[in-house]
Amino acid sequence: MPIYEYKCEDCQHTFEKLVQQSTLPQCPQCKSTNLEKQFSTFATGSNVSGGGATADAMPGCPTCGIPGGTCGLN
């Protein structure tokens, strides 16, 4: 199940929700279904094991600044 970020159009509350495809999410604060799905980014795991470099430690793209230089704009 994917996690989506939403903003309630009625009370302006923002929240994350695990959503099955057939489920209509509700705002946990006011129970409204008048929601706007927000643009969200994915998270990468932290460097817990000590092996390898994280994206934060890699130089950014000279064009857009994205860590790791993987945007393809350069």
Protein backbone atom coordinates (compact mmCIF):
# COMPACT_ATOMS: atom_id res chain seq x y z
CA MET A 1 0.00 0.00 0.00
CA PRO A 2 1.42 3.39 -0.92
CA ILE A 3 1.62 6.30 1.49
CA TYR A 4 0.09 9.50 0.14
CA GLU A 5 0.22 13.04 1.49
CA TYR A 6 -3.02 15.03 1.52
CA LYS A 7 -4.22 18.52 2.37
CA CYS A 8 -7.82 18.89 3.53
CA GLU A 9 -9.57 21.59 1.53
CA ASP A 10 -12.05 22.19 4.38
CA CYS A 11 -9.80 22.58 7.45
CA GLN A 12 -6.34 22.93 5.76
CA HIS A 13 -4.92 20.02 7.81
CA THR A 14 -2.07 18.12 6.08
CA PHE A 15 -1.46 14.45 6.75
CA GLU A 16 -0.06 11.18 5.39
CA LYS A 17 -2.19 8.10 4.88
CA LEU A 18 -1.64 4.50 3.81
CA VAL A 19 -4.23 4.08 1.08
CA GLN A 20 -5.54 0.99 -0.66
CA GLN A 21 -6.69 1.55 -4.22
CA SER A 22 -10.39 1.14 -3.36
CA THR A 23 -10.27 3.30 -0.19
CA LEU A 24 -11.56 6.90 -0.07
CA PRO A 25 -9.38 8.68 2.51
CA GLN A 26 -10.76 11.07 5.12
CA CYS A 27 -9.15 13.93 6.98
CA PRO A 28 -8.31 12.65 10.49
CA GLN A 29 -9.14 16.07 11.96
CA CYS A 30 -12.54 16.93 10.43
CA LYS A 31 -13.47 13.68 8.61
CA SER A 32 -13.89 15.51 5.27
CA THR A 33 -13.20 13.69 2.00
CA ASN A 34 -12.57 17.00 0.19
CA LEU A 35 -8.81 16.36 -0.08
CA GLU A 36 -6.04 17.46 -2.39
CA LYS A 37 -3.24 14.97 -2.98
CA GLN A 38 0.10 16.69 -2.41
CA PHE A 39 3.30 16.22 -4.34
CA SER A 40 5.52 13.99 -2.26
CA THR A 41 9.06 12.76 -2.57
CA PHE A 42 10.45 9.43 -1.60
CA ALA A 43 12.87 8.95 1.25
CA THR A 44 16.06 6.97 1.10
CA GLY A 45 17.37 4.88 3.94
CA SER A 46 20.01 6.33 6.17
CA ASN A 47 23.52 5.01 6.07
CA VAL A 48 23.00 2.80 9.15
CA SER A 49 25.38 0.00 8.14
CA GLY A 50 28.24 2.38 7.40
CA GLY A 51 28.77 1.10 3.85
CA GLY A 52 28.48 3.30 0.80
CA ALA A 53 27.78 6.98 0.43
CA THR A 54 24.43 8.61 0.96
CA ALA A 55 23.01 11.03 -1.60
CA ASP A 56 23.66 13.89 0.84
CA ALA A 57 27.38 13.11 0.79
CA MET A 58 27.54 13.11 -3.01
CA PRO A 59 28.06 16.34 -4.97
CA GLY A 60 24.98 17.97 -6.44
CA CYS A 61 24.13 18.35 -10.11
CA PRO A 62 25.68 21.57 -11.44
CA THR A 63 22.43 22.41 -13.27
CA CYS A 64 19.70 21.70 -10.71
CA GLY A 65 21.54 20.94 -7.45
CA ILE A 66 19.95 17.50 -6.91
CA PRO A 67 22.34 15.40 -4.74
CA GLY A 68 24.12 12.72 -6.70
CA GLY A 69 23.89 14.61 -9.99
CA THR A 70 21.31 12.21 -11.40
CA CYS A 71 18.77 14.63 -12.85
CA GLY A 72 19.98 14.25 -16.45
CA LEU A 73 19.81 18.01 -17.15
CA ASN A 74 23.57 18.45 -17.47
